[in-house]
Amino acid sequence: MMLWPEVVGKPAATLTAGLEVKNGVLYARLRSAALKAELFQCRFEVVGKLNEAVGAKIIRDIRFLG
């Protein structure tokens, strides 16, 4: 997902090992437990920013994998 660095920032994007969308859920594999906890707290904000950037409601939730 090319918008990921733009939405979460380049430092967080470098700690992301993989992204996959299935049935409206974005699965983000992260290399940092601290980042996982931080993004979990603001996941609905991230969902909103991703959908806004795309121009459609494609993502309804995010699951962070570690």
C-alpha atoms as a PDB file:
ATOM      1  CA  MET A   1       0.000   0.000   0.000  1.00  0.00           C
ATOM      2  CA  MET A   2       1.768   3.058  -1.295  1.00  0.00           C
ATOM      3  CA  LEU A   3      -0.103   5.449   1.017  1.00  0.00           C
ATOM      4  CA  TRP A   4       1.125   3.802   4.223  1.00  0.00           C
ATOM      5  CA  PRO A   5       4.289   5.954   4.636  1.00  0.00           C
ATOM      6  CA  GLU A   6       2.295   9.096   3.892  1.00  0.00           C
ATOM      7  CA  VAL A   7      -0.316   8.269   6.560  1.00  0.00           C
ATOM      8  CA  VAL A   8       1.836   6.808   9.370  1.00  0.00           C
ATOM      9  CA  GLY A   9       5.095   8.576   8.535  1.00  0.00           C
ATOM     10  CA  LYS A  10       8.344   7.310   7.051  1.00  0.00           C
ATOM     11  CA  PRO A  11       9.919   6.164  10.361  1.00  0.00           C
ATOM     12  CA  ALA A  12       6.901   3.964  11.144  1.00  0.00           C
ATOM     13  CA  ALA A  13       6.766   2.726   7.558  1.00  0.00           C
ATOM     14  CA  THR A  14      10.368   1.516   7.777  1.00  0.00           C
ATOM     15  CA  LEU A  15       9.321  -0.667  10.731  1.00  0.00           C
ATOM     16  CA  THR A  16       6.516  -2.229   8.690  1.00  0.00           C
ATOM     17  CA  ALA A  17       7.394  -5.664   7.333  1.00  0.00           C
ATOM     18  CA  GLY A  18       4.267  -6.191   5.240  1.00  0.00           C
ATOM     19  CA  LEU A  19       0.749  -4.999   4.435  1.00  0.00           C
ATOM     20  CA  GLU A  20      -2.198  -6.979   3.132  1.00  0.00           C
ATOM     21  CA  VAL A  21      -5.894  -6.147   2.696  1.00  0.00           C
ATOM     22  CA  LYS A  22      -8.507  -8.896   3.031  1.00  0.00           C
ATOM     23  CA  ASN A  23     -12.253  -8.263   3.208  1.00  0.00           C
ATOM     24  CA  GLY A  24     -11.834  -4.639   4.235  1.00  0.00           C
ATOM     25  CA  VAL A  25      -9.279  -5.360   6.954  1.00  0.00           C
ATOM     26  CA  LEU A  26      -5.708  -4.125   6.597  1.00  0.00           C
ATOM     27  CA  TYR A  27      -3.195  -6.498   8.163  1.00  0.00           C
ATOM     28  CA  ALA A  28       0.043  -4.699   9.022  1.00  0.00           C
ATOM     29  CA  ARG A  29       3.047  -6.746  10.126  1.00  0.00           C
ATOM     30  CA  LEU A  30       5.222  -4.539  12.343  1.00  0.00           C
ATOM     31  CA  ARG A  31       8.777  -5.050  13.601  1.00  0.00           C
ATOM     32  CA  SER A  32       8.271  -2.984  16.771  1.00  0.00           C
ATOM     33  CA  ALA A  33       6.012  -3.796  19.725  1.00  0.00           C
ATOM     34  CA  ALA A  34       6.082  -0.131  20.765  1.00  0.00           C
ATOM     35  CA  LEU A  35       4.920   0.967  17.312  1.00  0.00           C
ATOM     36  CA  LYS A  36       2.218  -1.703  17.362  1.00  0.00           C
ATOM     37  CA  ALA A  37       0.884  -0.346  20.671  1.00  0.00           C
ATOM     38  CA  GLU A  38       1.032   3.262  19.463  1.00  0.00           C
ATOM     39  CA  LEU A  39      -0.745   2.575  16.178  1.00  0.00           C
ATOM     40  CA  PHE A  40      -3.357   0.417  17.904  1.00  0.00           C
ATOM     41  CA  GLN A  41      -4.398   3.443  19.976  1.00  0.00           C
ATOM     42  CA  CYS A  42      -5.048   5.545  16.857  1.00  0.00           C
ATOM     43  CA  ARG A  43      -6.064   2.801  14.391  1.00  0.00           C
ATOM     44  CA  PHE A  44      -9.433   4.350  13.518  1.00  0.00           C
ATOM     45  CA  GLU A  45      -7.723   7.648  12.726  1.00  0.00           C
ATOM     46  CA  VAL A  46      -5.313   5.766  10.443  1.00  0.00           C
ATOM     47  CA  VAL A  47      -8.263   3.987   8.782  1.00  0.00           C
ATOM     48  CA  GLY A  48      -9.918   7.352   8.160  1.00  0.00           C
ATOM     49  CA  LYS A  49      -6.773   8.872   6.672  1.00  0.00           C
ATOM     50  CA  LEU A  50      -6.191   5.873   4.393  1.00  0.00           C
ATOM     51  CA  ASN A  51      -9.782   5.918   3.141  1.00  0.00           C
ATOM     52  CA  GLU A  52      -9.645   9.678   2.655  1.00  0.00           C
ATOM     53  CA  ALA A  53      -6.431   9.395   0.650  1.00  0.00           C
ATOM     54  CA  VAL A  54      -7.964   6.713  -1.587  1.00  0.00           C
ATOM     55  CA  GLY A  55     -11.248   8.554  -1.913  1.00  0.00           C
ATOM     56  CA  ALA A  56     -13.379   5.563  -0.932  1.00  0.00           C
ATOM     57  CA  LYS A  57     -14.211   3.529   2.163  1.00  0.00           C
ATOM     58  CA  ILE A  58     -12.054   0.500   1.414  1.00  0.00           C
ATOM     59  CA  ILE A  59     -10.551  -0.201   4.844  1.00  0.00           C
ATOM     60  CA  ARG A  60     -12.863  -0.732   7.814  1.00  0.00           C
ATOM     61  CA  ASP A  61     -10.323  -1.961  10.387  1.00  0.00           C
ATOM     62  CA  ILE A  62      -6.617  -2.595  10.910  1.00  0.00           C
ATOM     63  CA  ARG A  63      -5.043  -5.587  12.613  1.00  0.00           C
ATOM     64  CA  PHE A  64      -1.444  -5.212  13.716  1.00  0.00           C
ATOM     65  CA  LEU A  65       0.668  -8.344  13.648  1.00  0.00           C
ATOM     66  CA  GLY A  66       4.007  -8.658  15.342  1.00  0.00           C
END
